[in-house]
C-alpha atoms as a PDB file:
ATOM      1  CA  MET A   1      -6.702  -8.718  -4.701  1.00  0.00           C
ATOM      2  CA  SER A   2      -8.326  -5.886  -6.654  1.00  0.00           C
ATOM      3  CA  ALA A   3     -11.345  -5.876  -4.360  1.00  0.00           C
ATOM      4  CA  LEU A   4      -9.205  -5.772  -1.217  1.00  0.00           C
ATOM      5  CA  LEU A   5      -6.996  -2.943  -2.483  1.00  0.00           C
ATOM      6  CA  THR A   6     -10.147  -1.050  -3.402  1.00  0.00           C
ATOM      7  CA  ALA A   7     -11.454  -1.670   0.118  1.00  0.00           C
ATOM      8  CA  VAL A   8      -8.231  -0.238   1.539  1.00  0.00           C
ATOM      9  CA  ALA A   9      -8.633   2.902  -0.566  1.00  0.00           C
ATOM     10  CA  LEU A  10     -12.279   3.244   0.507  1.00  0.00           C
ATOM     11  CA  SER A  11     -11.323   2.849   4.164  1.00  0.00           C
ATOM     12  CA  ASP A  12      -8.768   5.639   3.699  1.00  0.00           C
ATOM     13  CA  LEU A  13     -11.399   7.886   2.135  1.00  0.00           C
ATOM     14  CA  PHE A  14     -13.760   7.140   5.014  1.00  0.00           C
ATOM     15  CA  ALA A  15     -10.981   8.082   7.434  1.00  0.00           C
ATOM     16  CA  VAL A  16     -10.397  11.347   5.547  1.00  0.00           C
ATOM     17  CA  TYR A  17     -14.117  12.143   5.823  1.00  0.00           C
ATOM     18  CA  ALA A  18     -14.120  11.385   9.549  1.00  0.00           C
ATOM     19  CA  GLY A  19     -10.984  13.483   9.972  1.00  0.00           C
ATOM     20  CA  VAL A  20     -12.513  16.452   8.138  1.00  0.00           C
ATOM     21  CA  ARG A  21     -15.609  16.267  10.327  1.00  0.00           C
ATOM     22  CA  PHE A  22     -13.543  16.072  13.509  1.00  0.00           C
ATOM     23  CA  SER A  23     -11.230  18.879  12.396  1.00  0.00           C
ATOM     24  CA  MET A  24     -14.139  21.186  11.540  1.00  0.00           C
ATOM     25  CA  LEU A  25     -15.569  20.764  15.026  1.00  0.00           C
ATOM     26  CA  LEU A  26     -12.188  21.508  16.564  1.00  0.00           C
ATOM     27  CA  ASP A  27     -11.900  24.678  14.498  1.00  0.00           C
ATOM     28  CA  GLU A  28     -15.467  25.807  15.111  1.00  0.00           C
ATOM     29  CA  ASP A  29     -15.609  28.593  17.703  1.00  0.00           C
ATOM     30  CA  ASP A  30     -12.162  27.727  19.058  1.00  0.00           C
ATOM     31  CA  GLY A  31     -12.885  24.060  19.592  1.00  0.00           C
ATOM     32  CA  PHE A  32     -13.607  22.588  23.006  1.00  0.00           C
ATOM     33  CA  ALA A  33     -14.500  25.911  24.581  1.00  0.00           C
ATOM     34  CA  PHE A  34     -17.714  26.302  22.572  1.00  0.00           C
ATOM     35  CA  ALA A  35     -18.461  23.154  20.558  1.00  0.00           C
ATOM     36  CA  LEU A  36     -21.026  20.801  21.981  1.00  0.00           C
ATOM     37  CA  GLN A  37     -19.246  18.060  23.896  1.00  0.00           C
ATOM     38  CA  GLN A  38     -21.594  15.404  22.493  1.00  0.00           C
ATOM     39  CA  GLU A  39     -20.753  16.415  18.928  1.00  0.00           C
ATOM     40  CA  LEU A  40     -17.067  16.225  19.699  1.00  0.00           C
ATOM     41  CA  ASP A  41     -17.459  12.829  21.351  1.00  0.00           C
ATOM     42  CA  ASP A  42     -19.427  11.523  18.356  1.00  0.00           C
ATOM     43  CA  ALA A  43     -16.863  12.873  15.889  1.00  0.00           C
ATOM     44  CA  ASP A  44     -14.009  11.373  17.902  1.00  0.00           C
ATOM     45  CA  ALA A  45     -15.803   8.010  18.055  1.00  0.00           C
ATOM     46  CA  LEU A  46     -16.359   8.058  14.282  1.00  0.00           C
ATOM     47  CA  TYR A  47     -12.705   8.953  13.735  1.00  0.00           C
ATOM     48  CA  ARG A  48     -11.507   6.091  15.895  1.00  0.00           C
ATOM     49  CA  MET A  49     -13.939   3.687  14.230  1.00  0.00           C
ATOM     50  CA  ALA A  50     -12.544   4.722  10.855  1.00  0.00           C
ATOM     51  CA  GLY A  51      -9.066   3.921  12.158  1.00  0.00           C
ATOM     52  CA  GLN A  52     -10.181   0.477  13.306  1.00  0.00           C
ATOM     53  CA  PHE A  53     -11.785  -0.168   9.916  1.00  0.00           C
ATOM     54  CA  GLN A  54      -8.530   0.832   8.249  1.00  0.00           C
ATOM     55  CA  GLY A  55      -6.560  -1.529  10.472  1.00  0.00           C
ATOM     56  CA  THR A  56      -8.811  -4.464   9.634  1.00  0.00           C
ATOM     57  CA  THR A  57      -8.734  -3.877   5.881  1.00  0.00           C
ATOM     58  CA  TYR A  58      -4.951  -3.362   5.954  1.00  0.00           C
ATOM     59  CA  LEU A  59      -4.422  -6.634   7.805  1.00  0.00           C
ATOM     60  CA  VAL A  60      -6.621  -8.714   5.505  1.00  0.00           C
ATOM     61  CA  CYS A  61      -5.248  -7.077   2.354  1.00  0.00           C
ATOM     62  CA  GLY A  62      -1.674  -7.443   3.608  1.00  0.00           C
ATOM     63  CA  ILE A  63      -2.068 -11.178   4.139  1.00  0.00           C
ATOM     64  CA  VAL A  64      -3.643 -11.733   0.720  1.00  0.00           C
ATOM     65  CA  PHE A  65      -1.069  -9.492  -0.973  1.00  0.00           C
ATOM     66  CA  ILE A  66       1.866 -11.429   0.498  1.00  0.00           C
ATOM     67  CA  VAL A  67       0.286 -14.727  -0.599  1.00  0.00           C
ATOM     68  CA  TRP A  68      -0.164 -13.282  -4.098  1.00  0.00           C
ATOM     69  CA  PHE A  69       3.404 -11.930  -4.046  1.00  0.00           C
ATOM     70  CA  HIS A  70       4.707 -15.401  -3.278  1.00  0.00           C
ATOM     71  CA  SER A  71       2.578 -16.851  -6.070  1.00  0.00           C
ATOM     72  CA  VAL A  72       3.889 -14.462  -8.735  1.00  0.00           C
ATOM     73  CA  ARG A  73       7.432 -15.058  -7.472  1.00  0.00           C
ATOM     74  CA  ARG A  74       7.032 -18.788  -8.095  1.00  0.00           C
ATOM     75  CA  VAL A  75       5.724 -18.132 -11.608  1.00  0.00           C
ATOM     76  CA  ALA A  76       8.554 -15.682 -12.263  1.00  0.00           C
ATOM     77  CA  GLY A  77      11.020 -18.372 -11.193  1.00  0.00           C
ATOM     78  CA  VAL A  78       9.866 -20.402 -14.179  1.00  0.00           C
ATOM     79  CA  LEU A  79       9.727 -17.483 -16.607  1.00  0.00           C
ATOM     80  CA  GLY A  80      13.160 -16.099 -15.685  1.00  0.00           C
ATOM     81  CA  PRO A  81      15.076 -18.343 -13.269  1.00  0.00           C
ATOM     82  CA  ASP A  82      18.367 -16.592 -13.964  1.00  0.00           C
ATOM     83  CA  ARG A  83      17.129 -13.433 -12.248  1.00  0.00           C
ATOM     84  CA  PHE A  84      16.897 -14.942  -8.761  1.00  0.00           C
ATOM     85  CA  ARG A  85      19.592 -15.918  -6.283  1.00  0.00           C
ATOM     86  CA  SER A  86      17.216 -16.919  -3.479  1.00  0.00           C
ATOM     87  CA  GLY A  87      14.205 -19.192  -3.265  1.00  0.00           C
ATOM     88  CA  PRO A  88      10.542 -18.159  -3.527  1.00  0.00           C
ATOM     89  CA  GLY A  89      10.132 -18.436   0.245  1.00  0.00           C
ATOM     90  CA  TRP A  90      11.853 -15.076   0.569  1.00  0.00           C
ATOM     91  CA  ALA A  91       8.848 -13.486  -1.120  1.00  0.00           C
ATOM     92  CA  ILE A  92       7.114 -14.103   2.210  1.00  0.00           C
ATOM     93  CA  GLY A  93       9.959 -13.936   4.701  1.00  0.00           C
ATOM     94  CA  ALA A  94      11.377 -10.650   3.405  1.00  0.00           C
ATOM     95  CA  TRP A  95       8.320  -8.779   4.666  1.00  0.00           C
ATOM     96  CA  PHE A  96       8.952  -9.783   8.284  1.00  0.00           C
ATOM     97  CA  ILE A  97      12.626  -8.865   8.705  1.00  0.00           C
ATOM     98  CA  PRO A  98      12.894  -5.532  10.572  1.00  0.00           C
ATOM     99  CA  LEU A  99      14.465  -2.713   8.540  1.00  0.00           C
ATOM    100  CA  ALA A 100      15.292  -5.100   5.698  1.00  0.00           C
ATOM    101  CA  ASN A 101      11.579  -5.218   4.890  1.00  0.00           C
ATOM    102  CA  PHE A 102      11.935  -1.689   3.519  1.00  0.00           C
ATOM    103  CA  TRP A 103      14.304  -2.956   0.826  1.00  0.00           C
ATOM    104  CA  MET A 104      14.192  -6.728   0.266  1.00  0.00           C
ATOM    105  CA  PRO A 105      10.574  -6.979  -0.994  1.00  0.00           C
ATOM    106  CA  TYR A 106      11.315  -4.184  -3.453  1.00  0.00           C
ATOM    107  CA  ARG A 107      14.345  -6.006  -4.860  1.00  0.00           C
ATOM    108  CA  ILE A 108      12.304  -9.186  -5.189  1.00  0.00           C
ATOM    109  CA  ALA A 109       9.550  -7.218  -6.943  1.00  0.00           C
ATOM    110  CA  VAL A 110      12.092  -5.744  -9.374  1.00  0.00           C
ATOM    111  CA  ASN A 111      13.335  -9.244 -10.235  1.00  0.00           C
ATOM    112  CA  ILE A 112       9.792 -10.585 -10.576  1.00  0.00           C
ATOM    113  CA  TRP A 113       8.917  -7.726 -12.910  1.00  0.00           C
ATOM    114  CA  GLY A 114      12.009  -8.266 -15.025  1.00  0.00           C
ATOM    115  CA  ALA A 115      11.450 -12.022 -15.246  1.00  0.00           C
ATOM    116  CA  SER A 116       7.825 -11.466 -16.237  1.00  0.00           C
ATOM    117  CA  THR A 117       8.575  -8.952 -18.982  1.00  0.00           C
ATOM    118  CA  ARG A 118       7.835 -10.241 -22.447  1.00  0.00           C
ATOM    119  CA  LEU A 119      10.894 -11.284 -24.450  1.00  0.00           C
ATOM    120  CA  PRO A 120      11.612  -8.961 -27.412  1.00  0.00           C
ATOM    121  CA  ALA A 121      11.258 -10.078 -31.006  1.00  0.00           C
ATOM    122  CA  ASP A 122      14.408 -10.717 -33.026  1.00  0.00           C
ATOM    123  CA  GLY A 123      16.318  -7.487 -33.531  1.00  0.00           C
ATOM    124  CA  GLU A 124      14.391  -5.543 -30.884  1.00  0.00           C
ATOM    125  CA  PRO A 125      16.229  -4.097 -27.857  1.00  0.00           C
ATOM    126  CA  TYR A 126      15.425  -5.656 -24.498  1.00  0.00           C
ATOM    127  CA  LYS A 127      14.003  -2.849 -22.422  1.00  0.00           C
ATOM    128  CA  VAL A 128      12.215  -3.150 -19.080  1.00  0.00           C
ATOM    129  CA  SER A 129      10.128  -0.239 -17.818  1.00  0.00           C
ATOM    130  CA  MET A 130      10.293  -0.292 -14.021  1.00  0.00           C
ATOM    131  CA  TRP A 131       8.211   2.781 -13.179  1.00  0.00           C
ATOM    132  CA  PRO A 132       5.134   0.814 -11.944  1.00  0.00           C
ATOM    133  CA  VAL A 133       7.330  -1.026  -9.428  1.00  0.00           C
ATOM    134  CA  ASN A 134       9.121   2.139  -8.338  1.00  0.00           C
ATOM    135  CA  LEU A 135       5.897   4.126  -8.013  1.00  0.00           C
ATOM    136  CA  TRP A 136       4.191   1.424  -5.952  1.00  0.00           C
ATOM    137  CA  TRP A 137       7.114   0.866  -3.614  1.00  0.00           C
ATOM    138  CA  GLY A 138       7.947   4.553  -3.237  1.00  0.00           C
ATOM    139  CA  LEU A 139       4.387   5.391  -2.199  1.00  0.00           C
ATOM    140  CA  PHE A 140       4.096   2.318   0.011  1.00  0.00           C
ATOM    141  CA  ALA A 141       7.328   2.940   1.923  1.00  0.00           C
ATOM    142  CA  THR A 142       6.726   6.683   2.271  1.00  0.00           C
ATOM    143  CA  THR A 143       3.147   6.248   3.429  1.00  0.00           C
ATOM    144  CA  THR A 144       4.066   3.516   5.899  1.00  0.00           C
ATOM    145  CA  LEU A 145       6.699   5.648   7.618  1.00  0.00           C
ATOM    146  CA  PHE A 146       4.632   8.831   7.545  1.00  0.00           C
ATOM    147  CA  SER A 147       1.521   7.062   8.870  1.00  0.00           C
ATOM    148  CA  TRP A 148       3.509   5.606  11.753  1.00  0.00           C
ATOM    149  CA  TYR A 149       4.892   9.045  12.622  1.00  0.00           C
ATOM    150  CA  VAL A 150       1.585  10.927  12.521  1.00  0.00           C
ATOM    151  CA  GLY A 151      -0.203   8.092  14.317  1.00  0.00           C
ATOM    152  CA  ARG A 152       2.156   8.480  17.264  1.00  0.00           C
ATOM    153  CA  ARG A 153       1.641  12.241  17.196  1.00  0.00           C
ATOM    154  CA  TYR A 154      -2.127  11.839  17.345  1.00  0.00           C
ATOM    155  CA  GLU A 155      -2.004   9.352  20.210  1.00  0.00           C
ATOM    156  CA  ASN A 156       0.308  11.629  22.226  1.00  0.00           C
ATOM    157  CA  ALA A 157      -1.501  14.896  21.463  1.00  0.00           C
ATOM    158  CA  GLU A 158      -3.097  16.571  24.478  1.00  0.00           C
ATOM    159  CA  ALA A 159      -3.512  20.289  23.773  1.00  0.00           C
ATOM    160  CA  LEU A 160      -6.150  21.457  21.297  1.00  0.00           C
ATOM    161  CA  ASP A 161      -3.586  22.765  18.805  1.00  0.00           C
ATOM    162  CA  GLU A 162      -1.654  19.494  18.975  1.00  0.00           C
ATOM    163  CA  ILE A 163      -4.787  17.450  18.321  1.00  0.00           C
ATOM    164  CA  ARG A 164      -5.830  19.687  15.425  1.00  0.00           C
ATOM    165  CA  ASP A 165      -2.393  19.510  13.786  1.00  0.00           C
ATOM    166  CA  ALA A 166      -2.158  15.755  14.295  1.00  0.00           C
ATOM    167  CA  VAL A 167      -5.592  15.169  12.726  1.00  0.00           C
ATOM    168  CA  LEU A 168      -4.605  17.213   9.669  1.00  0.00           C
ATOM    169  CA  GLN A 169      -1.388  15.240   9.280  1.00  0.00           C
ATOM    170  CA  VAL A 170      -3.213  11.924   9.610  1.00  0.00           C
ATOM    171  CA  MET A 171      -5.599  13.081   6.875  1.00  0.00           C
ATOM    172  CA  VAL A 172      -2.608  13.759   4.610  1.00  0.00           C
ATOM    173  CA  ALA A 173      -1.270  10.262   5.369  1.00  0.00           C
ATOM    174  CA  ASP A 174      -4.667   8.743   4.552  1.00  0.00           C
ATOM    175  CA  ALA A 175      -4.804  10.622   1.246  1.00  0.00           C
ATOM    176  CA  LEU A 176      -1.309   9.385   0.383  1.00  0.00           C
ATOM    177  CA  ASP A 177      -2.390   5.849   1.189  1.00  0.00           C
ATOM    178  CA  VAL A 178      -5.213   6.121  -1.351  1.00  0.00           C
ATOM    179  CA  ALA A 179      -2.543   6.840  -3.968  1.00  0.00           C
ATOM    180  CA  ALA A 180      -0.420   3.953  -2.661  1.00  0.00           C
ATOM    181  CA  ALA A 181      -3.363   1.548  -2.906  1.00  0.00           C
ATOM    182  CA  ALA A 182      -4.050   2.689  -6.475  1.00  0.00           C
ATOM    183  CA  ALA A 183      -0.381   2.182  -7.399  1.00  0.00           C
ATOM    184  CA  ALA A 184      -0.392  -1.283  -5.798  1.00  0.00           C
ATOM    185  CA  LEU A 185      -3.529  -2.181  -7.741  1.00  0.00           C
ATOM    186  CA  TYR A 186      -1.972  -1.115 -11.029  1.00  0.00           C
ATOM    187  CA  PHE A 187       1.243  -2.987 -10.214  1.00  0.00           C
ATOM    188  CA  ALA A 188      -0.638  -6.192  -9.334  1.00  0.00           C
ATOM    189  CA  VAL A 189      -2.989  -6.126 -12.328  1.00  0.00           C
ATOM    190  CA  ARG A 190      -0.252  -5.342 -14.828  1.00  0.00           C
ATOM    191  CA  LEU A 191       2.195  -7.876 -13.413  1.00  0.00           C
ATOM    192  CA  THR A 192      -0.420 -10.631 -13.474  1.00  0.00           C
ATOM    193  CA  ALA A 193      -1.274  -9.777 -17.091  1.00  0.00           C
ATOM    194  CA  MET A 194       2.413  -9.762 -18.048  1.00  0.00           C
ATOM    195  CA  GLN A 195       2.954 -13.203 -16.581  1.00  0.00           C
ATOM    196  CA  ARG A 196      -0.080 -14.656 -18.332  1.00  0.00           C
ATOM    197  CA  LEU A 197       1.030 -13.203 -21.661  1.00  0.00           C
ATOM    198  CA  LYS A 198       4.610 -14.429 -21.370  1.00  0.00           C
ATOM    199  CA  ALA A 199       3.493 -17.877 -20.198  1.00  0.00           C
ATOM    200  CA  SER A 200       1.233 -18.193 -23.257  1.00  0.00           C
ATOM    201  CA  GLU A 201       4.115 -17.767 -25.692  1.00  0.00           C
ATOM    202  CA  PRO A 202       7.028 -20.032 -26.674  1.00  0.00           C
ATOM    203  CA  PRO A 203       9.103 -21.475 -25.161  1.00  0.00           C
ATOM    204  CA  TYR A 204       6.829 -21.562 -22.090  1.00  0.00           C
ATOM    205  CA  SER A 205       3.595 -22.531 -23.842  1.00  0.00           C
ATOM    206  CA  THR A 206       3.211 -26.110 -25.027  1.00  0.00           C
ATOM    207  CA  ALA A 207       0.155 -25.331 -27.154  1.00  0.00           C
END
């Protein structure tokens, strides 16, 4: 999981680099009027290749992430069964329901996080810090919507100014996705560690 999320972030950085190169050629001497056509074609090809690389890494990482999400949901069902009203299968299915997939996975993640939080010692208040979940989901949802919007703008751009503006916006979306990948990595690593710690303690551990 960590390696795949890192690969996603690296693919985003590669896309930012390709976007900067393409944008600089568009800005140089008023773009198409003076820039060498071969340089523009090469920059455009690199930019599109970066997009294809992003798509591949997103797909692979998305599949593995959903499998992992289902796995931690099953563990959380043992650590805190009272927090769930639906079965672990929803940890997979929730991602594929249109519109609802912008809310249901988040609610499941909140319940998983709460169930995986270590129980307090006697006399200690039970407090659950949810900021890693909120940060991850906020960046993920925002970046997903923004990337879809700017992707459509780039595909439909025809005039030089439209292409230049669209490329800049896609670069912003790619930079945001680097932050989203980092937040997802932190969420996954910390949640996994929390579950292992809680499972190693009574009443869950038999050692």
